């Protein structure tokens, strides 16, 4: 079984309970792909879109960009234009601890997108923040090189790719 394309986080929790961290934040699903997984790349920024764009313009290689937006829902860190770049560059999905916009368009795209909420205003382009830093959200450590699995039931993170364990 190829875990990257067919999994349920509830089943992963049952089978790999000792391997997983379960994120306790209640993310909402916005992308056209309702389940997605991959190796984590991180960016930490507050109400600033520039580093998110910089990451998504790079080859994604099936990874998931996890954005620590500080939980702010005052400005969106992702919309339809950046999501189009993500698809073009091979990203599997984006998890935003913050807000997104252009949700009607996001729902039609072949990309996994989860976030806290929605707001029509976009963030600045000042380039503040850090790419590749580890951070904790919802009791989970998000760090480059770890693996994330997201679906309608939630978000789980593993230190290693789960299909290697099967």
Protein backbone atom coordinates (compact mmCIF):
# COMPACT_ATOMS: atom_id res chain seq x y z
CA UNK A 1 0.00 0.00 0.00
CA UNK A 2 1.31 3.44 -0.95
CA UNK A 3 0.55 5.43 2.19
CA UNK A 4 1.13 8.76 0.46
CA UNK A 5 -1.93 8.35 -1.75
CA UNK A 6 -4.29 6.21 0.36
CA UNK A 7 -4.49 6.71 4.11
CA UNK A 8 -6.79 7.83 6.88
CA UNK A 9 -5.30 9.63 9.84
CA UNK A 10 -7.59 7.69 12.20
CA UNK A 11 -6.21 4.40 10.84
CA UNK A 12 -2.65 5.72 11.11
CA UNK A 13 -3.30 6.60 14.76
CA UNK A 14 -4.55 3.07 15.39
CA UNK A 15 -1.65 1.35 13.64
CA UNK A 16 1.24 3.70 14.51
CA UNK A 17 0.16 5.18 17.85
CA UNK A 18 3.73 5.13 19.20
CA UNK A 19 5.13 6.80 16.08
CA UNK A 20 2.73 9.72 15.72
CA UNK A 21 2.10 13.12 17.23
CA UNK A 22 -1.51 14.27 16.86
CA UNK A 23 -2.02 17.99 16.31
CA UNK A 24 -4.72 19.33 18.64
CA UNK A 25 -5.46 22.43 16.54
CA UNK A 26 -8.76 22.23 14.68
CA UNK A 27 -7.69 23.04 11.10
CA UNK A 28 -10.27 23.48 8.33
CA UNK A 29 -9.86 21.95 4.87
CA UNK A 30 -9.90 24.33 1.89
CA UNK A 31 -8.05 22.63 -0.97
CA UNK A 32 -9.42 20.31 -3.63
CA UNK A 33 -7.36 17.42 -2.22
CA UNK A 34 -9.02 16.33 1.02
CA UNK A 35 -6.07 14.20 2.11
CA UNK A 36 -2.39 14.86 1.53
CA UNK A 37 0.96 13.95 2.99
CA UNK A 38 4.66 14.45 2.52
CA UNK A 39 7.93 15.53 3.97
CA UNK A 40 7.66 18.81 5.87
CA UNK A 41 9.24 22.12 4.87
CA UNK A 42 8.60 25.00 7.27
CA UNK A 43 8.29 28.75 7.21
CA UNK A 44 7.59 31.00 10.18
CA UNK A 45 6.21 34.45 9.46
CA UNK A 46 3.62 36.83 10.84
CA UNK A 47 1.16 38.41 8.40
CA UNK A 48 3.85 38.42 5.68
CA UNK A 49 3.48 36.42 2.46
CA UNK A 50 6.96 36.92 0.94
CA UNK A 51 8.69 33.85 2.43
CA UNK A 52 5.65 31.65 1.73
CA UNK A 53 5.90 32.70 -1.93
CA UNK A 54 9.67 32.13 -1.92
CA UNK A 55 9.17 28.55 -0.69
CA UNK A 56 6.37 27.72 -3.13
CA UNK A 57 8.41 29.01 -6.07
CA UNK A 58 10.98 26.26 -5.33
CA UNK A 59 10.57 22.61 -6.37
CA UNK A 60 8.20 20.99 -3.90
CA UNK A 61 9.09 17.37 -4.71
CA UNK A 62 5.85 16.18 -3.08
CA UNK A 63 6.55 17.99 0.19
CA UNK A 64 4.08 19.84 2.41
CA UNK A 65 4.78 23.45 3.38
CA UNK A 66 3.82 24.06 7.01
CA UNK A 67 3.42 27.78 7.72
CA UNK A 68 3.56 29.10 11.27
CA UNK A 69 1.59 32.31 10.86
CA UNK A 70 1.31 32.82 14.61
CA UNK A 71 -2.38 31.91 14.47
CA UNK A 72 -3.27 35.29 12.98
CA UNK A 73 -6.46 35.52 10.96
CA UNK A 74 -6.04 39.26 10.23
CA UNK A 75 -4.37 38.63 6.85
CA UNK A 76 -4.17 35.65 4.51
CA UNK A 77 -0.85 33.90 3.96
CA UNK A 78 -2.12 31.86 0.98
CA UNK A 79 -4.54 32.38 -1.89
CA UNK A 80 -5.20 31.14 -5.40
CA UNK A 81 -2.06 32.61 -7.03
CA UNK A 82 0.37 31.07 -4.56
CA UNK A 83 -1.57 27.80 -4.66
CA UNK A 84 -1.18 27.75 -8.46
CA UNK A 85 2.60 28.17 -8.00
CA UNK A 86 2.56 25.32 -5.48
CA UNK A 87 0.84 22.99 -7.96
CA UNK A 88 3.17 24.02 -10.80
CA UNK A 89 6.19 23.30 -8.60
CA UNK A 90 5.06 19.92 -7.28
CA UNK A 91 3.99 20.65 -3.69
CA UNK A 92 1.54 18.12 -2.18
CA UNK A 93 -0.08 20.60 0.17
CA UNK A 94 0.11 23.54 2.53
CA UNK A 95 -0.86 23.72 6.20
CA UNK A 96 -1.29 27.28 7.48
CA UNK A 97 -1.44 28.14 11.17
CA UNK A 98 -3.23 31.30 10.11
CA UNK A 99 -5.66 32.34 7.38
CA UNK A 100 -6.14 31.77 3.65
CA UNK A 101 -8.30 33.49 1.02
CA UNK A 102 -9.77 32.76 -2.44
CA UNK A 103 -11.48 29.71 -0.96
CA UNK A 104 -13.80 29.06 -3.91
CA UNK A 105 -10.77 28.72 -6.18
CA UNK A 106 -8.78 26.69 -3.62
CA UNK A 107 -11.62 24.15 -3.41
CA UNK A 108 -11.19 23.36 -7.13
CA UNK A 109 -7.39 22.96 -7.09
CA UNK A 110 -5.52 19.66 -6.94
CA UNK A 111 -3.70 20.71 -3.79
CA UNK A 112 -4.13 20.00 -0.11
CA UNK A 113 -4.78 23.18 1.86
CA UNK A 114 -5.65 23.42 5.55
CA UNK A 115 -5.78 26.54 7.70
CA UNK A 116 -7.39 28.04 10.77
CA UNK A 117 -9.76 30.28 8.85
CA UNK A 118 -10.43 32.74 6.06
CA UNK A 119 -9.97 36.47 5.55
CA UNK A 120 -9.99 38.45 2.26
CA UNK A 121 -7.02 40.72 3.10
CA UNK A 122 -3.57 39.45 2.15
CA UNK A 123 -0.39 39.81 4.12
CA UNK A 124 2.51 42.14 3.40
CA UNK A 125 5.55 41.29 1.24
CA UNK A 126 8.31 42.48 3.58
CA UNK A 127 10.19 39.17 3.76
CA UNK A 128 10.10 38.88 7.54
CA UNK A 129 10.37 35.47 9.16
CA UNK A 130 12.45 32.32 8.87
CA UNK A 131 12.51 29.39 6.45
CA UNK A 132 13.40 25.96 7.82
CA UNK A 133 12.95 26.59 11.54
CA UNK A 134 11.26 24.04 13.81
CA UNK A 135 8.22 25.14 15.80
CA UNK A 136 5.46 23.68 17.94
CA UNK A 137 1.74 24.06 17.28
CA UNK A 138 -1.03 22.06 18.89
CA UNK A 139 1.37 19.84 20.80
CA UNK A 140 3.26 18.77 17.67
CA UNK A 141 6.78 19.58 16.54
CA UNK A 142 6.82 20.68 12.91
CA UNK A 143 10.35 20.44 11.52
CA UNK A 144 11.93 19.97 8.11
CA UNK A 145 12.53 16.28 7.44
CA UNK A 146 9.56 15.06 9.49
CA UNK A 147 6.44 13.70 7.74
CA UNK A 148 2.89 15.04 7.88
CA UNK A 149 -0.41 13.32 7.10
CA UNK A 150 -3.56 15.45 6.78
CA UNK A 151 -7.19 14.58 6.08
CA UNK A 152 -10.69 15.59 7.13
CA UNK A 153 -10.10 14.03 10.58
CA UNK A 154 -6.99 16.04 11.38
CA UNK A 155 -3.22 16.29 11.22
CA UNK A 156 -0.59 13.81 12.42
CA UNK A 157 3.19 14.00 12.24
CA UNK A 158 5.81 11.26 12.25
CA UNK A 159 9.58 11.33 12.54
CA UNK A 160 9.77 9.02 9.52
CA UNK A 161 7.81 8.12 6.42
CA UNK A 162 5.16 5.64 7.50
CA UNK A 163 5.15 3.45 4.41
CA UNK A 164 8.70 2.41 5.32
CA UNK A 165 7.21 0.87 8.47
CA UNK A 166 4.57 -1.20 6.70
